[in-house]
Amino acid sequence: MDRLFFTLGCISGFLGVALGAFAAHGLKARLAPELLATFDTGVRYQVMHALALLAVALAHARWPGRVLAAAGWLFVVGTLLFSGSLYALALTGLRALGAITPFGGAAFLAGWLCLAWAPWRDRRV
């Protein structure tokens, strides 16, 4: 699991940087400032949670278990729902896509709670 989450974190970080550069250079002239800011928020949270996936991978080497795996998958799902919905909203202008974003945010919050809980779930370690 540690290799998987490390790899997913690296891929997500790479994509976050690429999407940020795309927004700064390719979308700046095409999107309204409000929609560009929405896209940027998606990038910011994607990169932040790419780093969180790296933390999960490193923590998994020390405290392996289902709680850390849940944290990793929650960060992946959160990125897809939160950042993905913001990207889609910014590119299409469809405000209804914003209804998906809070589900991604909830996944991020649950992931952070799982990450915090993981080292304490087994007192033998």
N, C-alpha and C. Protein backbone atom coordinates (compact mmCIF):
# COMPACT_ATOMS: atom_id res chain seq x y z
N MET A 1 0.82 -1.19 0.00
CA MET A 1 0.00 0.00 0.00
C MET A 1 0.86 1.26 0.00
N ASP A 2 2.01 1.21 0.69
CA ASP A 2 2.83 2.42 0.75
C ASP A 2 3.34 2.82 -0.63
N ARG A 3 3.71 1.85 -1.46
CA ARG A 3 4.17 2.18 -2.81
C ARG A 3 3.04 2.74 -3.67
N LEU A 4 1.86 2.17 -3.52
CA LEU A 4 0.71 2.63 -4.29
C LEU A 4 0.39 4.09 -3.94
N PHE A 5 0.27 4.40 -2.66
CA PHE A 5 -0.08 5.77 -2.27
C PHE A 5 1.05 6.75 -2.58
N PHE A 6 2.29 6.30 -2.47
CA PHE A 6 3.41 7.17 -2.85
C PHE A 6 3.33 7.50 -4.34
N THR A 7 3.08 6.47 -5.16
CA THR A 7 2.98 6.68 -6.61
C THR A 7 1.79 7.56 -6.95
N LEU A 8 0.63 7.30 -6.33
CA LEU A 8 -0.54 8.14 -6.58
C LEU A 8 -0.29 9.59 -6.16
N GLY A 9 0.42 9.78 -5.05
CA GLY A 9 0.76 11.13 -4.60
C GLY A 9 1.66 11.83 -5.60
N CYS A 10 2.63 11.12 -6.13
CA CYS A 10 3.54 11.71 -7.13
C CYS A 10 2.79 12.06 -8.42
N ILE A 11 1.92 11.17 -8.86
CA ILE A 11 1.14 11.43 -10.07
C ILE A 11 0.21 12.62 -9.86
N SER A 12 -0.44 12.65 -8.71
CA SER A 12 -1.35 13.75 -8.42
C SER A 12 -0.60 15.08 -8.32
N GLY A 13 0.57 15.07 -7.71
CA GLY A 13 1.39 16.28 -7.64
C GLY A 13 1.82 16.74 -9.03
N PHE A 14 2.24 15.80 -9.85
CA PHE A 14 2.63 16.12 -11.23
C PHE A 14 1.46 16.76 -11.98
N LEU A 15 0.28 16.12 -11.89
CA LEU A 15 -0.89 16.65 -12.59
C LEU A 15 -1.30 18.01 -12.04
N GLY A 16 -1.18 18.19 -10.72
CA GLY A 16 -1.51 19.48 -10.13
C GLY A 16 -0.63 20.60 -10.66
N VAL A 17 0.66 20.34 -10.76
CA VAL A 17 1.58 21.33 -11.31
C VAL A 17 1.28 21.59 -12.79
N ALA A 18 1.04 20.52 -13.54
CA ALA A 18 0.72 20.67 -14.97
C ALA A 18 -0.57 21.45 -15.17
N LEU A 19 -1.60 21.15 -14.37
CA LEU A 19 -2.86 21.87 -14.49
C LEU A 19 -2.72 23.33 -14.06
N GLY A 20 -1.91 23.57 -13.05
CA GLY A 20 -1.65 24.95 -12.64
C GLY A 20 -0.97 25.75 -13.73
N ALA A 21 0.00 25.14 -14.38
CA ALA A 21 0.68 25.82 -15.49
C ALA A 21 -0.28 26.03 -16.66
N PHE A 22 -1.12 25.04 -16.93
CA PHE A 22 -2.12 25.17 -17.99
C PHE A 22 -3.06 26.34 -17.70
N ALA A 23 -3.48 26.44 -16.45
CA ALA A 23 -4.38 27.54 -16.09
C ALA A 23 -3.68 28.89 -16.23
N ALA A 24 -2.46 28.97 -15.75
CA ALA A 24 -1.73 30.25 -15.79
C ALA A 24 -1.41 30.70 -17.20
N HIS A 25 -1.14 29.76 -18.08
CA HIS A 25 -0.69 30.12 -19.42
C HIS A 25 -1.75 29.92 -20.50
N GLY A 26 -2.61 28.92 -20.32
CA GLY A 26 -3.57 28.61 -21.37
C GLY A 26 -4.99 29.08 -21.11
N LEU A 27 -5.33 29.23 -19.84
CA LEU A 27 -6.71 29.60 -19.52
C LEU A 27 -6.86 31.05 -19.11
N LYS A 28 -5.77 31.71 -18.78
CA LYS A 28 -5.85 33.08 -18.24
C LYS A 28 -6.62 34.01 -19.17
N ALA A 29 -6.41 33.89 -20.45
CA ALA A 29 -7.09 34.77 -21.41
C ALA A 29 -8.48 34.26 -21.79
N ARG A 30 -8.79 33.02 -21.42
CA ARG A 30 -10.05 32.42 -21.86
C ARG A 30 -11.14 32.38 -20.78
N LEU A 31 -10.72 32.40 -19.52
CA LEU A 31 -11.70 32.30 -18.43
C LEU A 31 -11.86 33.63 -17.71
N ALA A 32 -13.06 33.84 -17.21
CA ALA A 32 -13.30 35.00 -16.34
C ALA A 32 -12.45 34.83 -15.08
N PRO A 33 -12.03 35.93 -14.47
CA PRO A 33 -11.20 35.84 -13.26
C PRO A 33 -11.81 34.96 -12.17
N GLU A 34 -13.13 35.01 -12.01
CA GLU A 34 -13.80 34.19 -11.00
C GLU A 34 -13.64 32.70 -11.29
N LEU A 35 -13.79 32.32 -12.55
CA LEU A 35 -13.64 30.91 -12.92
C LEU A 35 -12.18 30.47 -12.86
N LEU A 36 -11.26 31.37 -13.19
CA LEU A 36 -9.84 31.05 -13.06
C LEU A 36 -9.47 30.82 -11.60
N ALA A 37 -10.04 31.62 -10.70
CA ALA A 37 -9.81 31.43 -9.26
C ALA A 37 -10.37 30.10 -8.80
N THR A 38 -11.51 29.69 -9.35
CA THR A 38 -12.10 28.39 -9.01
C THR A 38 -11.17 27.26 -9.44
N PHE A 39 -10.65 27.36 -10.65
CA PHE A 39 -9.71 26.37 -11.15
C PHE A 39 -8.47 26.31 -10.25
N ASP A 40 -7.97 27.49 -9.87
CA ASP A 40 -6.78 27.57 -9.02
C ASP A 40 -7.02 26.92 -7.66
N THR A 41 -8.22 27.06 -7.12
CA THR A 41 -8.54 26.41 -5.85
C THR A 41 -8.46 24.89 -6.00
N GLY A 42 -8.95 24.37 -7.11
CA GLY A 42 -8.84 22.94 -7.38
C GLY A 42 -7.39 22.49 -7.43
N VAL A 43 -6.54 23.27 -8.11
CA VAL A 43 -5.12 22.95 -8.20
C VAL A 43 -4.48 22.95 -6.81
N ARG A 44 -4.77 23.99 -6.04
CA ARG A 44 -4.17 24.13 -4.71
C ARG A 44 -4.51 22.93 -3.82
N TYR A 45 -5.78 22.53 -3.81
CA TYR A 45 -6.17 21.39 -2.98
C TYR A 45 -5.63 20.08 -3.52
N GLN A 46 -5.51 19.96 -4.83
CA GLN A 46 -4.94 18.74 -5.40
C GLN A 46 -3.48 18.58 -4.98
N VAL A 47 -2.71 19.64 -5.08
CA VAL A 47 -1.29 19.55 -4.71
C VAL A 47 -1.15 19.30 -3.21
N MET A 48 -1.97 19.98 -2.41
CA MET A 48 -1.92 19.78 -0.96
C MET A 48 -2.19 18.32 -0.60
N HIS A 49 -3.16 17.73 -1.28
CA HIS A 49 -3.51 16.34 -0.95
C HIS A 49 -2.63 15.33 -1.66
N ALA A 50 -1.89 15.75 -2.67
CA ALA A 50 -0.83 14.90 -3.21
C ALA A 50 0.24 14.71 -2.12
N LEU A 51 0.56 15.80 -1.43
CA LEU A 51 1.51 15.70 -0.32
C LEU A 51 0.95 14.85 0.82
N ALA A 52 -0.37 14.95 1.04
CA ALA A 52 -0.99 14.12 2.07
C ALA A 52 -0.88 12.64 1.71
N LEU A 53 -0.99 12.30 0.43
CA LEU A 53 -0.81 10.91 0.00
C LEU A 53 0.61 10.44 0.26
N LEU A 54 1.59 11.32 0.07
CA LEU A 54 2.97 10.95 0.39
C LEU A 54 3.11 10.69 1.89
N ALA A 55 2.43 11.50 2.70
CA ALA A 55 2.45 11.29 4.15
C ALA A 55 1.82 9.94 4.51
N VAL A 56 0.74 9.59 3.84
CA VAL A 56 0.10 8.29 4.08
C VAL A 56 1.07 7.17 3.75
N ALA A 57 1.75 7.30 2.63
CA ALA A 57 2.70 6.25 2.22
C ALA A 57 3.81 6.10 3.25
N LEU A 58 4.35 7.20 3.71
CA LEU A 58 5.43 7.13 4.70
C LEU A 58 4.92 6.61 6.04
N ALA A 59 3.72 7.03 6.44
CA ALA A 59 3.15 6.55 7.70
C ALA A 59 2.81 5.07 7.62
N HIS A 60 2.42 4.61 6.45
CA HIS A 60 2.04 3.20 6.28
C HIS A 60 3.23 2.27 6.54
N ALA A 61 4.43 2.75 6.27
CA ALA A 61 5.62 1.93 6.56
C ALA A 61 5.78 1.74 8.07
N ARG A 62 5.29 2.69 8.85
CA ARG A 62 5.42 2.63 10.31
C ARG A 62 4.20 2.01 11.00
N TRP A 63 2.99 2.40 10.53
CA TRP A 63 1.74 1.95 11.14
C TRP A 63 0.81 1.37 10.09
N PRO A 64 1.16 0.24 9.49
CA PRO A 64 0.30 -0.30 8.43
C PRO A 64 -1.08 -0.69 8.97
N GLY A 65 -2.06 -0.61 8.11
CA GLY A 65 -3.39 -1.03 8.52
C GLY A 65 -4.48 -0.39 7.68
N ARG A 66 -5.71 -0.80 7.99
CA ARG A 66 -6.86 -0.36 7.23
C ARG A 66 -7.16 1.12 7.41
N VAL A 67 -6.86 1.68 8.57
CA VAL A 67 -7.16 3.08 8.81
C VAL A 67 -6.32 3.97 7.89
N LEU A 68 -5.05 3.64 7.75
CA LEU A 68 -4.21 4.42 6.84
C LEU A 68 -4.61 4.20 5.39
N ALA A 69 -4.99 2.99 5.04
CA ALA A 69 -5.46 2.73 3.68
C ALA A 69 -6.72 3.56 3.41
N ALA A 70 -7.60 3.63 4.40
CA ALA A 70 -8.81 4.45 4.25
C ALA A 70 -8.43 5.91 4.05
N ALA A 71 -7.45 6.39 4.81
CA ALA A 71 -7.01 7.78 4.65
C ALA A 71 -6.53 8.04 3.23
N GLY A 72 -5.73 7.14 2.71
CA GLY A 72 -5.23 7.30 1.35
C GLY A 72 -6.34 7.32 0.32
N TRP A 73 -7.26 6.37 0.42
CA TRP A 73 -8.35 6.33 -0.55
C TRP A 73 -9.28 7.53 -0.41
N LEU A 74 -9.47 8.00 0.82
CA LEU A 74 -10.28 9.21 1.01
C LEU A 74 -9.62 10.43 0.37
N PHE A 75 -8.30 10.52 0.43
CA PHE A 75 -7.61 11.62 -0.24
C PHE A 75 -7.73 11.50 -1.76
N VAL A 76 -7.66 10.29 -2.28
CA VAL A 76 -7.82 10.09 -3.72
C VAL A 76 -9.24 10.49 -4.15
N VAL A 77 -10.24 9.97 -3.45
CA VAL A 77 -11.64 10.29 -3.79
C VAL A 77 -11.89 11.78 -3.60
N GLY A 78 -11.35 12.35 -2.53
CA GLY A 78 -11.52 13.79 -2.31
C GLY A 78 -10.95 14.61 -3.44
N THR A 79 -9.79 14.22 -3.93
CA THR A 79 -9.18 14.95 -5.05
C THR A 79 -10.05 14.85 -6.29
N LEU A 80 -10.53 13.65 -6.58
CA LEU A 80 -11.37 13.48 -7.77
C LEU A 80 -12.66 14.29 -7.66
N LEU A 81 -13.31 14.25 -6.51
CA LEU A 81 -14.58 14.95 -6.35
C LEU A 81 -14.40 16.46 -6.17
N PHE A 82 -13.51 16.85 -5.27
CA PHE A 82 -13.35 18.27 -4.96
C PHE A 82 -12.67 18.99 -6.13
N SER A 83 -11.44 18.61 -6.41
CA SER A 83 -10.70 19.30 -7.47
C SER A 83 -11.34 19.05 -8.83
N GLY A 84 -11.74 17.81 -9.08
CA GLY A 84 -12.35 17.49 -10.37
C GLY A 84 -13.61 18.31 -10.63
N SER A 85 -14.45 18.47 -9.62
CA SER A 85 -15.68 19.26 -9.82
C SER A 85 -15.35 20.73 -10.03
N LEU A 86 -14.33 21.24 -9.36
CA LEU A 86 -13.94 22.63 -9.57
C LEU A 86 -13.36 22.84 -10.97
N TYR A 87 -12.57 21.89 -11.44
CA TYR A 87 -12.04 21.99 -12.80
C TYR A 87 -13.19 22.00 -13.81
N ALA A 88 -14.11 21.08 -13.64
CA ALA A 88 -15.24 20.98 -14.56
C ALA A 88 -16.11 22.23 -14.51
N LEU A 89 -16.35 22.74 -13.30
CA LEU A 89 -17.14 23.95 -13.15
C LEU A 89 -16.46 25.13 -13.86
N ALA A 90 -15.16 25.27 -13.65
CA ALA A 90 -14.43 26.39 -14.26
C ALA A 90 -14.42 26.29 -15.78
N LEU A 91 -14.28 25.09 -16.31
CA LEU A 91 -14.18 24.92 -17.76
C LEU A 91 -15.52 24.97 -18.47
N THR A 92 -16.59 24.59 -17.77
CA THR A 92 -17.90 24.56 -18.42
C THR A 92 -18.81 25.71 -17.98
N GLY A 93 -18.55 26.26 -16.80
CA GLY A 93 -19.42 27.30 -16.27
C GLY A 93 -20.70 26.77 -15.66
N LEU A 94 -20.87 25.45 -15.62
CA LEU A 94 -22.07 24.84 -15.05
C LEU A 94 -22.01 24.88 -13.52
N ARG A 95 -22.74 25.76 -12.93
CA ARG A 95 -22.73 25.94 -11.46
C ARG A 95 -23.22 24.70 -10.72
N ALA A 96 -24.05 23.90 -11.34
CA ALA A 96 -24.59 22.70 -10.69
C ALA A 96 -23.47 21.74 -10.29
N LEU A 97 -22.34 21.80 -10.98
CA LEU A 97 -21.21 20.92 -10.62
C LEU A 97 -20.65 21.25 -9.24
N GLY A 98 -20.91 22.47 -8.78
CA GLY A 98 -20.47 22.86 -7.43
C GLY A 98 -21.13 22.05 -6.34
N ALA A 99 -22.23 21.39 -6.65
CA ALA A 99 -22.90 20.54 -5.65
C ALA A 99 -22.08 19.31 -5.30
N ILE A 100 -21.16 18.93 -6.16
CA ILE A 100 -20.31 17.76 -5.92
C ILE A 100 -19.14 18.11 -4.98
N THR A 101 -18.69 19.34 -5.05
CA THR A 101 -17.49 19.77 -4.33
C THR A 101 -17.52 19.45 -2.83
N PRO A 102 -18.62 19.71 -2.11
CA PRO A 102 -18.61 19.42 -0.67
C PRO A 102 -18.38 17.95 -0.32
N PHE A 103 -18.78 17.04 -1.22
CA PHE A 103 -18.53 15.62 -0.96
C PHE A 103 -17.03 15.34 -0.99
N GLY A 104 -16.32 15.99 -1.89
CA GLY A 104 -14.87 15.88 -1.92
C GLY A 104 -14.24 16.47 -0.67
N GLY A 105 -14.77 17.61 -0.24
CA GLY A 105 -14.28 18.23 0.99
C GLY A 105 -14.49 17.34 2.20
N ALA A 106 -15.64 16.68 2.26
CA ALA A 106 -15.92 15.75 3.36
C ALA A 106 -14.95 14.57 3.32
N ALA A 107 -14.63 14.10 2.11
CA ALA A 107 -13.65 13.00 1.99
C ALA A 107 -12.28 13.46 2.49
N PHE A 108 -11.89 14.68 2.14
CA PHE A 108 -10.61 15.21 2.64
C PHE A 108 -10.61 15.24 4.17
N LEU A 109 -11.66 15.76 4.76
CA LEU A 109 -11.73 15.85 6.23
C LEU A 109 -11.66 14.46 6.87
N ALA A 110 -12.40 13.52 6.32
CA ALA A 110 -12.36 12.15 6.85
C ALA A 110 -10.97 11.54 6.68
N GLY A 111 -10.32 11.84 5.57
CA GLY A 111 -8.96 11.34 5.36
C GLY A 111 -7.99 11.86 6.41
N TRP A 112 -8.11 13.16 6.72
CA TRP A 112 -7.22 13.72 7.75
C TRP A 112 -7.48 13.11 9.12
N LEU A 113 -8.76 12.85 9.43
CA LEU A 113 -9.07 12.19 10.71
C LEU A 113 -8.49 10.78 10.75
N CYS A 114 -8.61 10.04 9.67
CA CYS A 114 -8.04 8.69 9.62
C CYS A 114 -6.52 8.75 9.75
N LEU A 115 -5.89 9.69 9.08
CA LEU A 115 -4.44 9.83 9.17
C LEU A 115 -4.01 10.13 10.61
N ALA A 116 -4.76 10.97 11.30
CA ALA A 116 -4.44 11.29 12.70
C ALA A 116 -4.69 10.10 13.62
N TRP A 117 -5.71 9.31 13.32
CA TRP A 117 -6.09 8.21 14.19
C TRP A 117 -5.18 6.99 14.01
N ALA A 118 -4.63 6.82 12.84
CA ALA A 118 -3.87 5.61 12.51
C ALA A 118 -2.78 5.23 13.52
N PRO A 119 -1.95 6.15 13.96
CA PRO A 119 -0.91 5.71 14.91
C PRO A 119 -1.43 5.34 16.29
N TRP A 120 -2.68 5.70 16.62
CA TRP A 120 -3.23 5.45 17.94
C TRP A 120 -4.18 4.26 17.98
N ARG A 121 -4.54 3.70 16.82
CA ARG A 121 -5.54 2.64 16.78
C ARG A 121 -5.05 1.34 17.40
N ASP A 122 -3.75 1.09 17.41
CA ASP A 122 -3.19 -0.13 17.97
C ASP A 122 -2.16 0.26 19.01
N ARG A 123 -2.47 0.12 20.26
CA ARG A 123 -1.58 0.58 21.32
C ARG A 123 -0.35 -0.30 21.52
N ARG A 124 -0.30 -1.45 20.84
CA ARG A 124 0.85 -2.33 20.97
C ARG A 124 2.06 -1.78 20.23
N VAL A 125 1.84 -0.93 19.23
CA VAL A 125 2.94 -0.42 18.40
C VAL A 125 3.53 0.82 19.02
